[in-house]
Amino acid sequence: MMTHEIIFAGFGGQGILSMGKFLAFGGMVENLNVSWCPSYGPEMRGGTANCSVILSDEEIGAPIVTAPDTLVVMNRPSLDKFETTVKSGGTIILDSNLVNREVTRTDVTVIRIPAQDEAEAIGFKTIANMILLGALVDKTGVIPMASLLQALKEHGKEKFFDMNKLAIDKGIEYARDSVNSEVMA
């Protein structure tokens, strides 16, 4: 039995809902049961946005995630709101360019990625979310990377695929570096 619950959170306009959607589509490629539940304020950009994704090989009773296995945050208010909800032993992936405080929990794995800087280096600042998504999929193994890329190809804009793939690869690097640093600690 496998069920993995994730919360993506940040400001509107950062691609929070897109991260969740691509992960859910990737789960569908794997024939998993999926739930994608967006939540956002009335503002189009700048307001809060989050979404819950559940991937499971069993039926999903409700789309509500109260204790995620993984939390992906792109701003400090989201870390403040959701940090305490992550299951012990879970993972928090954050954009260290936008989250200006440390995670206080000691019972979770933390992956800090300067996603804004990395996205800018790739050439397109709006792909910071894809860097974080790449780290999530690689770190958790919740779906195979090939399924995420297939979902991106089928449901994303074709002209952005190559750039998104570069961003995902950068996220994979950070996820693997975090594993190496955990082992050495």
N, C-alpha and C. Protein backbone atom coordinates (compact mmCIF):
# COMPACT_ATOMS: atom_id res chain seq x y z
N MET A 1 0.84 -1.19 0.00
CA MET A 1 0.00 0.00 0.00
C MET A 1 0.88 1.25 0.00
N MET A 2 0.54 2.19 -0.85
CA MET A 2 1.31 3.43 -0.94
C MET A 2 0.34 4.60 -1.04
N THR A 3 0.44 5.51 -0.10
CA THR A 3 -0.27 6.78 -0.18
C THR A 3 0.72 7.86 0.20
N HIS A 4 0.80 8.89 -0.64
CA HIS A 4 1.71 10.01 -0.36
C HIS A 4 0.90 11.29 -0.48
N GLU A 5 0.97 12.11 0.58
CA GLU A 5 0.23 13.37 0.62
C GLU A 5 1.20 14.53 0.61
N ILE A 6 0.92 15.51 -0.26
CA ILE A 6 1.81 16.65 -0.45
C ILE A 6 1.01 17.94 -0.38
N ILE A 7 1.59 18.96 0.22
CA ILE A 7 1.03 20.32 0.14
C ILE A 7 2.07 21.20 -0.55
N PHE A 8 1.62 21.91 -1.57
CA PHE A 8 2.42 22.94 -2.25
C PHE A 8 1.84 24.28 -1.80
N ALA A 9 2.70 25.24 -1.41
CA ALA A 9 2.16 26.50 -0.92
C ALA A 9 3.09 27.67 -1.25
N GLY A 10 2.48 28.82 -1.51
CA GLY A 10 3.23 30.04 -1.81
C GLY A 10 2.26 31.15 -2.16
N PHE A 11 2.73 32.09 -2.97
CA PHE A 11 1.91 33.18 -3.46
C PHE A 11 1.29 32.81 -4.80
N GLY A 12 0.15 33.40 -5.12
CA GLY A 12 -0.43 33.23 -6.45
C GLY A 12 0.54 33.75 -7.49
N GLY A 13 0.61 33.07 -8.63
CA GLY A 13 1.50 33.50 -9.70
C GLY A 13 2.85 32.81 -9.69
N GLN A 14 3.12 31.98 -8.66
CA GLN A 14 4.41 31.28 -8.58
C GLN A 14 4.36 29.89 -9.21
N GLY A 15 3.20 29.47 -9.68
CA GLY A 15 3.08 28.14 -10.26
C GLY A 15 2.81 27.05 -9.24
N ILE A 16 2.27 27.44 -8.10
CA ILE A 16 1.96 26.49 -7.03
C ILE A 16 0.96 25.44 -7.52
N LEU A 17 -0.13 25.89 -8.11
CA LEU A 17 -1.16 24.96 -8.56
C LEU A 17 -0.66 24.10 -9.71
N SER A 18 0.20 24.67 -10.57
CA SER A 18 0.77 23.91 -11.69
C SER A 18 1.64 22.76 -11.19
N MET A 19 2.44 23.00 -10.15
CA MET A 19 3.27 21.93 -9.60
C MET A 19 2.39 20.75 -9.20
N GLY A 20 1.32 21.06 -8.49
CA GLY A 20 0.42 20.01 -8.04
C GLY A 20 -0.25 19.29 -9.19
N LYS A 21 -0.66 20.06 -10.20
CA LYS A 21 -1.32 19.47 -11.36
C LYS A 21 -0.40 18.51 -12.11
N PHE A 22 0.84 18.94 -12.36
CA PHE A 22 1.77 18.06 -13.08
C PHE A 22 2.08 16.80 -12.28
N LEU A 23 2.19 16.93 -10.96
CA LEU A 23 2.42 15.74 -10.13
C LEU A 23 1.22 14.80 -10.20
N ALA A 24 0.01 15.37 -10.14
CA ALA A 24 -1.20 14.54 -10.24
C ALA A 24 -1.28 13.85 -11.60
N PHE A 25 -1.00 14.57 -12.67
CA PHE A 25 -1.00 13.95 -14.00
C PHE A 25 0.05 12.84 -14.08
N GLY A 26 1.21 13.06 -13.45
CA GLY A 26 2.25 12.03 -13.41
C GLY A 26 1.76 10.79 -12.67
N GLY A 27 1.00 11.00 -11.61
CA GLY A 27 0.40 9.88 -10.88
C GLY A 27 -0.58 9.11 -11.74
N MET A 28 -1.31 9.84 -12.59
CA MET A 28 -2.26 9.18 -13.49
C MET A 28 -1.52 8.33 -14.52
N VAL A 29 -0.36 8.80 -14.98
CA VAL A 29 0.46 8.01 -15.90
C VAL A 29 0.78 6.66 -15.25
N GLU A 30 0.99 6.67 -13.93
CA GLU A 30 1.32 5.46 -13.17
C GLU A 30 0.08 4.66 -12.75
N ASN A 31 -1.09 5.08 -13.22
CA ASN A 31 -2.36 4.43 -12.86
C ASN A 31 -2.64 4.48 -11.36
N LEU A 32 -2.16 5.52 -10.71
CA LEU A 32 -2.47 5.72 -9.30
C LEU A 32 -3.79 6.47 -9.18
N ASN A 33 -4.43 6.36 -8.03
CA ASN A 33 -5.56 7.22 -7.73
C ASN A 33 -4.96 8.55 -7.30
N VAL A 34 -5.53 9.64 -7.80
CA VAL A 34 -4.98 10.96 -7.50
C VAL A 34 -6.06 11.92 -7.06
N SER A 35 -5.66 12.87 -6.25
CA SER A 35 -6.53 13.96 -5.86
C SER A 35 -5.69 15.23 -5.94
N TRP A 36 -6.25 16.27 -6.54
CA TRP A 36 -5.60 17.57 -6.63
C TRP A 36 -6.64 18.58 -6.16
N CYS A 37 -6.35 19.27 -5.08
CA CYS A 37 -7.32 20.18 -4.50
C CYS A 37 -6.69 21.55 -4.31
N PRO A 38 -7.03 22.51 -5.21
CA PRO A 38 -6.44 23.86 -5.09
C PRO A 38 -7.15 24.70 -4.04
N SER A 39 -6.42 25.65 -3.48
CA SER A 39 -6.99 26.61 -2.54
C SER A 39 -6.25 27.92 -2.75
N TYR A 40 -6.98 28.97 -3.03
CA TYR A 40 -6.31 30.25 -3.26
C TYR A 40 -7.23 31.39 -2.89
N GLY A 41 -6.59 32.53 -2.58
CA GLY A 41 -7.34 33.72 -2.24
C GLY A 41 -7.95 34.34 -3.48
N PRO A 42 -8.74 35.40 -3.32
CA PRO A 42 -9.42 36.01 -4.47
C PRO A 42 -8.48 36.75 -5.42
N GLU A 43 -7.26 37.05 -4.96
CA GLU A 43 -6.31 37.77 -5.81
C GLU A 43 -5.74 36.81 -6.85
N MET A 44 -5.48 37.31 -8.05
CA MET A 44 -4.88 36.47 -9.08
C MET A 44 -3.39 36.27 -8.80
N ARG A 45 -2.68 37.34 -8.47
CA ARG A 45 -1.25 37.25 -8.18
C ARG A 45 -0.98 37.93 -6.85
N GLY A 46 -0.07 37.37 -6.09
CA GLY A 46 0.31 38.00 -4.84
C GLY A 46 -0.47 37.49 -3.63
N GLY A 47 -1.66 36.93 -3.84
CA GLY A 47 -2.41 36.36 -2.74
C GLY A 47 -1.85 34.99 -2.41
N THR A 48 -2.38 34.37 -1.39
CA THR A 48 -1.89 33.04 -1.03
C THR A 48 -2.46 31.99 -1.97
N ALA A 49 -1.69 30.96 -2.20
CA ALA A 49 -2.14 29.84 -3.03
C ALA A 49 -1.53 28.58 -2.45
N ASN A 50 -2.32 27.54 -2.39
CA ASN A 50 -1.76 26.24 -2.04
C ASN A 50 -2.62 25.16 -2.67
N CYS A 51 -2.07 23.99 -2.77
CA CYS A 51 -2.86 22.87 -3.25
C CYS A 51 -2.38 21.61 -2.57
N SER A 52 -3.30 20.70 -2.42
CA SER A 52 -3.03 19.40 -1.83
C SER A 52 -3.08 18.37 -2.93
N VAL A 53 -2.12 17.46 -2.91
CA VAL A 53 -2.11 16.35 -3.86
C VAL A 53 -1.99 15.06 -3.06
N ILE A 54 -2.81 14.11 -3.42
CA ILE A 54 -2.72 12.78 -2.82
C ILE A 54 -2.52 11.80 -3.97
N LEU A 55 -1.51 10.95 -3.84
CA LEU A 55 -1.25 9.88 -4.80
C LEU A 55 -1.34 8.57 -4.03
N SER A 56 -2.15 7.63 -4.52
CA SER A 56 -2.33 6.39 -3.77
C SER A 56 -2.67 5.23 -4.69
N ASP A 57 -2.28 4.03 -4.25
CA ASP A 57 -2.69 2.85 -4.99
C ASP A 57 -4.01 2.29 -4.43
N GLU A 58 -4.58 3.00 -3.46
CA GLU A 58 -5.90 2.66 -2.91
C GLU A 58 -6.86 3.81 -3.20
N GLU A 59 -8.14 3.59 -2.95
CA GLU A 59 -9.10 4.67 -3.13
C GLU A 59 -8.79 5.80 -2.16
N ILE A 60 -9.06 7.02 -2.60
CA ILE A 60 -8.83 8.20 -1.78
C ILE A 60 -10.18 8.64 -1.24
N GLY A 61 -10.30 8.64 0.09
CA GLY A 61 -11.58 8.96 0.70
C GLY A 61 -11.95 10.43 0.63
N ALA A 62 -10.99 11.31 0.83
CA ALA A 62 -11.24 12.75 0.81
C ALA A 62 -9.99 13.47 0.32
N PRO A 63 -10.17 14.59 -0.37
CA PRO A 63 -9.00 15.30 -0.94
C PRO A 63 -8.27 16.19 0.05
N ILE A 64 -8.66 16.16 1.31
CA ILE A 64 -8.09 17.06 2.31
C ILE A 64 -6.79 16.46 2.88
N VAL A 65 -5.75 17.27 2.90
CA VAL A 65 -4.47 16.85 3.48
C VAL A 65 -4.24 17.68 4.74
N THR A 66 -4.21 17.02 5.89
CA THR A 66 -3.96 17.74 7.15
C THR A 66 -2.57 17.46 7.70
N ALA A 67 -1.99 16.32 7.32
CA ALA A 67 -0.64 15.96 7.78
C ALA A 67 0.15 15.44 6.58
N PRO A 68 0.73 16.36 5.79
CA PRO A 68 1.42 15.93 4.58
C PRO A 68 2.72 15.17 4.87
N ASP A 69 3.05 14.27 3.94
CA ASP A 69 4.35 13.60 3.98
C ASP A 69 5.42 14.58 3.52
N THR A 70 5.04 15.44 2.56
CA THR A 70 5.97 16.40 1.97
C THR A 70 5.30 17.77 1.87
N LEU A 71 6.07 18.80 2.17
CA LEU A 71 5.63 20.18 2.04
C LEU A 71 6.61 20.91 1.13
N VAL A 72 6.08 21.59 0.12
CA VAL A 72 6.90 22.40 -0.78
C VAL A 72 6.43 23.84 -0.60
N VAL A 73 7.34 24.72 -0.15
CA VAL A 73 6.94 26.11 0.12
C VAL A 73 7.80 27.10 -0.64
N MET A 74 7.12 28.14 -1.13
CA MET A 74 7.80 29.18 -1.90
C MET A 74 7.70 30.55 -1.25
N ASN A 75 7.29 30.62 0.02
CA ASN A 75 7.33 31.88 0.76
C ASN A 75 7.28 31.60 2.26
N ARG A 76 7.69 32.58 3.03
CA ARG A 76 7.74 32.40 4.48
C ARG A 76 6.35 32.21 5.11
N PRO A 77 5.33 32.98 4.72
CA PRO A 77 4.02 32.76 5.34
C PRO A 77 3.54 31.30 5.19
N SER A 78 3.89 30.66 4.08
CA SER A 78 3.49 29.27 3.88
C SER A 78 4.25 28.34 4.82
N LEU A 79 5.53 28.61 5.03
CA LEU A 79 6.30 27.80 5.98
C LEU A 79 5.73 27.99 7.38
N ASP A 80 5.44 29.24 7.73
CA ASP A 80 4.86 29.53 9.05
C ASP A 80 3.55 28.77 9.26
N LYS A 81 2.75 28.72 8.22
CA LYS A 81 1.42 28.09 8.32
C LYS A 81 1.47 26.56 8.34
N PHE A 82 2.34 25.96 7.51
CA PHE A 82 2.27 24.51 7.32
C PHE A 82 3.39 23.69 7.96
N GLU A 83 4.46 24.34 8.44
CA GLU A 83 5.60 23.57 8.96
C GLU A 83 5.19 22.56 10.02
N THR A 84 4.34 22.95 10.93
CA THR A 84 3.97 22.05 12.03
C THR A 84 3.08 20.90 11.60
N THR A 85 2.52 20.98 10.39
CA THR A 85 1.59 19.93 9.95
C THR A 85 2.29 18.72 9.33
N VAL A 86 3.55 18.88 8.93
CA VAL A 86 4.27 17.80 8.24
C VAL A 86 4.48 16.62 9.18
N LYS A 87 4.22 15.42 8.66
CA LYS A 87 4.41 14.21 9.46
C LYS A 87 5.86 14.09 9.91
N SER A 88 6.07 13.57 11.10
CA SER A 88 7.42 13.30 11.58
C SER A 88 8.08 12.33 10.60
N GLY A 89 9.31 12.63 10.20
CA GLY A 89 9.99 11.82 9.21
C GLY A 89 9.72 12.29 7.79
N GLY A 90 8.89 13.33 7.64
CA GLY A 90 8.54 13.86 6.33
C GLY A 90 9.63 14.77 5.77
N THR A 91 9.29 15.45 4.69
CA THR A 91 10.25 16.28 3.97
C THR A 91 9.66 17.68 3.74
N ILE A 92 10.49 18.68 3.95
CA ILE A 92 10.13 20.07 3.61
C ILE A 92 11.13 20.55 2.57
N ILE A 93 10.60 20.95 1.42
CA ILE A 93 11.43 21.50 0.33
C ILE A 93 11.06 22.97 0.22
N LEU A 94 12.06 23.84 0.30
CA LEU A 94 11.72 25.27 0.27
C LEU A 94 12.64 26.06 -0.64
N ASP A 95 12.09 27.17 -1.11
CA ASP A 95 12.85 28.12 -1.93
C ASP A 95 13.58 29.05 -0.97
N SER A 96 14.88 28.82 -0.80
CA SER A 96 15.65 29.59 0.18
C SER A 96 15.84 31.05 -0.22
N ASN A 97 15.54 31.39 -1.47
CA ASN A 97 15.59 32.79 -1.87
C ASN A 97 14.39 33.56 -1.30
N LEU A 98 13.30 32.87 -1.03
CA LEU A 98 12.07 33.54 -0.61
C LEU A 98 11.65 33.21 0.82
N VAL A 99 12.22 32.19 1.41
CA VAL A 99 11.91 31.82 2.79
C VAL A 99 13.11 32.23 3.63
N ASN A 100 12.92 33.29 4.42
CA ASN A 100 14.06 33.90 5.12
C ASN A 100 14.19 33.45 6.57
N ARG A 101 13.81 32.21 6.84
CA ARG A 101 14.06 31.66 8.17
C ARG A 101 14.32 30.17 8.05
N GLU A 102 14.93 29.63 9.09
CA GLU A 102 15.22 28.20 9.11
C GLU A 102 13.97 27.42 9.52
N VAL A 103 13.91 26.18 9.12
CA VAL A 103 12.87 25.27 9.60
C VAL A 103 13.24 24.93 11.04
N THR A 104 12.28 25.01 11.95
CA THR A 104 12.57 24.75 13.36
C THR A 104 12.45 23.27 13.71
N ARG A 105 11.78 22.50 12.89
CA ARG A 105 11.60 21.07 13.16
C ARG A 105 12.92 20.33 13.01
N THR A 106 13.15 19.34 13.85
CA THR A 106 14.35 18.53 13.74
C THR A 106 14.01 17.09 13.33
N ASP A 107 12.73 16.80 13.18
CA ASP A 107 12.30 15.44 12.85
C ASP A 107 11.88 15.29 11.39
N VAL A 108 12.28 16.26 10.55
CA VAL A 108 11.96 16.21 9.12
C VAL A 108 13.23 16.48 8.33
N THR A 109 13.24 16.02 7.09
CA THR A 109 14.34 16.32 6.17
C THR A 109 14.04 17.65 5.51
N VAL A 110 15.01 18.54 5.45
CA VAL A 110 14.81 19.85 4.83
C VAL A 110 15.74 19.97 3.62
N ILE A 111 15.16 20.35 2.50
CA ILE A 111 15.95 20.62 1.30
C ILE A 111 15.75 22.10 0.96
N ARG A 112 16.82 22.86 1.10
CA ARG A 112 16.80 24.30 0.82
C ARG A 112 17.39 24.51 -0.58
N ILE A 113 16.61 25.12 -1.44
CA ILE A 113 17.05 25.34 -2.82
C ILE A 113 16.88 26.82 -3.16
N PRO A 114 17.94 27.51 -3.60
CA PRO A 114 17.79 28.89 -4.05
C PRO A 114 17.14 28.89 -5.44
N ALA A 115 15.88 28.53 -5.48
CA ALA A 115 15.19 28.27 -6.75
C ALA A 115 15.09 29.50 -7.65
N GLN A 116 14.92 30.68 -7.06
CA GLN A 116 14.85 31.90 -7.88
C GLN A 116 16.17 32.11 -8.61
N ASP A 117 17.27 32.00 -7.88
CA ASP A 117 18.60 32.19 -8.48
C ASP A 117 18.85 31.15 -9.56
N GLU A 118 18.53 29.90 -9.27
CA GLU A 118 18.77 28.82 -10.23
C GLU A 118 17.92 28.99 -11.48
N ALA A 119 16.66 29.40 -11.29
CA ALA A 119 15.76 29.62 -12.44
C ALA A 119 16.28 30.75 -13.32
N GLU A 120 16.76 31.81 -12.68
CA GLU A 120 17.31 32.94 -13.43
C GLU A 120 18.55 32.51 -14.20
N ALA A 121 19.37 31.66 -13.59
CA ALA A 121 20.58 31.17 -14.26
C ALA A 121 20.23 30.33 -15.49
N ILE A 122 19.12 29.60 -15.40
CA ILE A 122 18.66 28.81 -16.55
C ILE A 122 18.11 29.74 -17.63
N GLY A 123 17.57 30.89 -17.20
CA GLY A 123 17.11 31.87 -18.17
C GLY A 123 15.64 32.22 -18.12
N PHE A 124 14.93 31.70 -17.12
CA PHE A 124 13.49 31.96 -17.08
C PHE A 124 13.04 31.88 -15.63
N LYS A 125 12.88 33.02 -14.98
CA LYS A 125 12.61 33.06 -13.54
C LYS A 125 11.34 32.31 -13.12
N THR A 126 10.38 32.19 -14.03
CA THR A 126 9.11 31.56 -13.66
C THR A 126 9.18 30.03 -13.57
N ILE A 127 10.35 29.45 -13.79
CA ILE A 127 10.45 27.99 -13.68
C ILE A 127 11.02 27.54 -12.33
N ALA A 128 11.09 28.45 -11.36
CA ALA A 128 11.56 28.09 -10.02
C ALA A 128 10.72 26.95 -9.45
N ASN A 129 9.42 26.98 -9.73
CA ASN A 129 8.55 25.92 -9.22
C ASN A 129 8.95 24.55 -9.75
N MET A 130 9.41 24.48 -10.99
CA MET A 130 9.78 23.20 -11.58
C MET A 130 11.06 22.64 -10.96
N ILE A 131 11.94 23.54 -10.49
CA ILE A 131 13.14 23.09 -9.78
C ILE A 131 12.71 22.37 -8.50
N LEU A 132 11.78 22.98 -7.76
CA LEU A 132 11.30 22.38 -6.51
C LEU A 132 10.57 21.06 -6.79
N LEU A 133 9.79 21.03 -7.88
CA LEU A 133 9.06 19.80 -8.23
C LEU A 133 10.03 18.67 -8.58
N GLY A 134 11.09 18.99 -9.30
CA GLY A 134 12.10 17.98 -9.63
C GLY A 134 12.73 17.40 -8.37
N ALA A 135 13.02 18.27 -7.39
CA ALA A 135 13.60 17.81 -6.12
C ALA A 135 12.61 16.91 -5.39
N LEU A 136 11.35 17.29 -5.40
CA LEU A 136 10.31 16.49 -4.72
C LEU A 136 10.23 15.08 -5.30
N VAL A 137 10.11 14.98 -6.61
CA VAL A 137 9.94 13.67 -7.25
C VAL A 137 11.19 12.82 -7.05
N ASP A 138 12.36 13.43 -7.17
CA ASP A 138 13.59 12.65 -6.99
C ASP A 138 13.76 12.21 -5.54
N LYS A 139 13.52 13.10 -4.60
CA LYS A 139 13.72 12.80 -3.17
C LYS A 139 12.74 11.74 -2.67
N THR A 140 11.46 11.88 -3.04
CA THR A 140 10.44 10.99 -2.48
C THR A 140 10.25 9.72 -3.31
N GLY A 141 10.54 9.79 -4.61
CA GLY A 141 10.29 8.64 -5.47
C GLY A 141 8.82 8.31 -5.59
N VAL A 142 7.97 9.30 -5.33
CA VAL A 142 6.53 9.07 -5.31
C VAL A 142 6.01 8.61 -6.68
N ILE A 143 6.63 9.11 -7.74
CA ILE A 143 6.38 8.61 -9.10
C ILE A 143 7.73 8.58 -9.81
N PRO A 144 7.86 7.77 -10.84
CA PRO A 144 9.11 7.79 -11.61
C PRO A 144 9.27 9.14 -12.33
N MET A 145 10.50 9.60 -12.47
CA MET A 145 10.76 10.86 -13.15
C MET A 145 10.21 10.84 -14.57
N ALA A 146 10.29 9.69 -15.23
CA ALA A 146 9.77 9.57 -16.60
C ALA A 146 8.28 9.89 -16.66
N SER A 147 7.54 9.54 -15.61
CA SER A 147 6.10 9.82 -15.59
C SER A 147 5.83 11.31 -15.42
N LEU A 148 6.67 11.97 -14.61
CA LEU A 148 6.53 13.43 -14.46
C LEU A 148 6.81 14.10 -15.80
N LEU A 149 7.87 13.67 -16.48
CA LEU A 149 8.22 14.28 -17.76
C LEU A 149 7.15 14.01 -18.81
N GLN A 150 6.56 12.83 -18.79
CA GLN A 150 5.46 12.53 -19.72
C GLN A 150 4.27 13.44 -19.44
N ALA A 151 3.94 13.64 -18.16
CA ALA A 151 2.83 14.53 -17.79
C ALA A 151 3.11 15.95 -18.25
N LEU A 152 4.35 16.38 -18.09
CA LEU A 152 4.74 17.72 -18.51
C LEU A 152 4.61 17.87 -20.03
N LYS A 153 5.02 16.84 -20.74
CA LYS A 153 4.96 16.86 -22.20
C LYS A 153 3.50 16.89 -22.69
N GLU A 154 2.65 16.09 -22.04
CA GLU A 154 1.26 15.97 -22.49
C GLU A 154 0.37 17.11 -22.02
N HIS A 155 0.68 17.71 -20.86
CA HIS A 155 -0.23 18.70 -20.29
C HIS A 155 0.37 20.10 -20.14
N GLY A 156 1.65 20.23 -20.43
CA GLY A 156 2.29 21.54 -20.36
C GLY A 156 2.39 22.15 -21.75
N LYS A 157 2.92 23.35 -21.80
CA LYS A 157 3.11 24.00 -23.09
C LYS A 157 4.40 23.47 -23.72
N GLU A 158 4.28 23.00 -24.94
CA GLU A 158 5.41 22.37 -25.63
C GLU A 158 6.64 23.28 -25.70
N LYS A 159 6.41 24.58 -25.92
CA LYS A 159 7.55 25.48 -26.08
C LYS A 159 8.35 25.65 -24.78
N PHE A 160 7.77 25.26 -23.63
CA PHE A 160 8.48 25.37 -22.36
C PHE A 160 9.06 24.05 -21.88
N PHE A 161 8.82 22.96 -22.61
CA PHE A 161 9.23 21.64 -22.12
C PHE A 161 10.73 21.56 -21.85
N ASP A 162 11.56 21.97 -22.81
CA ASP A 162 13.01 21.84 -22.64
C ASP A 162 13.51 22.66 -21.44
N MET A 163 12.97 23.86 -21.27
CA MET A 163 13.39 24.69 -20.15
C MET A 163 12.92 24.08 -18.83
N ASN A 164 11.68 23.57 -18.82
CA ASN A 164 11.17 22.90 -17.61
C ASN A 164 12.01 21.68 -17.27
N LYS A 165 12.45 20.95 -18.29
CA LYS A 165 13.29 19.76 -18.07
C LYS A 165 14.62 20.17 -17.43
N LEU A 166 15.20 21.27 -17.90
CA LEU A 166 16.44 21.78 -17.28
C LEU A 166 16.20 22.12 -15.81
N ALA A 167 15.06 22.73 -15.53
CA ALA A 167 14.72 23.10 -14.14
C ALA A 167 14.55 21.85 -13.28
N ILE A 168 13.85 20.86 -13.80
CA ILE A 168 13.66 19.61 -13.06
C ILE A 168 15.00 18.94 -12.78
N ASP A 169 15.89 18.94 -13.77
CA ASP A 169 17.23 18.36 -13.58
C ASP A 169 17.99 19.09 -12.48
N LYS A 170 17.84 20.40 -12.40
CA LYS A 170 18.51 21.18 -11.35
C LYS A 170 17.95 20.79 -9.98
N GLY A 171 16.66 20.59 -9.90
CA GLY A 171 16.04 20.14 -8.64
C GLY A 171 16.54 18.77 -8.22
N ILE A 172 16.75 17.89 -9.19
CA ILE A 172 17.28 16.56 -8.91
C ILE A 172 18.67 16.69 -8.28
N GLU A 173 19.49 17.58 -8.83
CA GLU A 173 20.84 17.81 -8.27
C GLU A 173 20.77 18.17 -6.79
N TYR A 174 19.86 19.10 -6.45
CA TYR A 174 19.74 19.53 -5.06
C TYR A 174 19.23 18.40 -4.18
N ALA A 175 18.29 17.61 -4.67
CA ALA A 175 17.76 16.49 -3.89
C ALA A 175 18.86 15.49 -3.59
N ARG A 176 19.69 15.22 -4.56
CA ARG A 176 20.77 14.25 -4.38
C ARG A 176 21.88 14.80 -3.51
N ASP A 177 22.16 16.10 -3.62
CA ASP A 177 23.15 16.73 -2.73
C ASP A 177 22.68 16.67 -1.29
N SER A 178 21.36 16.83 -1.08
CA SER A 178 20.83 16.80 0.29
C SER A 178 20.99 15.40 0.88
N VAL A 179 20.86 14.37 0.07
CA VAL A 179 21.05 13.00 0.54
C VAL A 179 22.50 12.82 0.97
N ASN A 180 23.42 13.30 0.16
CA ASN A 180 24.84 13.17 0.48
C ASN A 180 25.18 13.92 1.77
N SER A 181 24.60 15.09 1.98
CA SER A 181 24.93 15.85 3.18
C SER A 181 24.29 15.21 4.41
N GLU A 182 23.12 14.55 4.25
CA GLU A 182 22.49 13.86 5.38
C GLU A 182 23.35 12.69 5.82
N VAL A 183 23.89 11.96 4.85
CA VAL A 183 24.71 10.80 5.15
C VAL A 183 25.97 11.21 5.90
N MET A 184 26.55 12.35 5.50
CA MET A 184 27.80 12.81 6.12
C MET A 184 27.58 13.42 7.49
N ALA A 185 26.38 13.89 7.76
CA ALA A 185 26.11 14.58 9.03
C ALA A 185 26.21 13.65 10.22
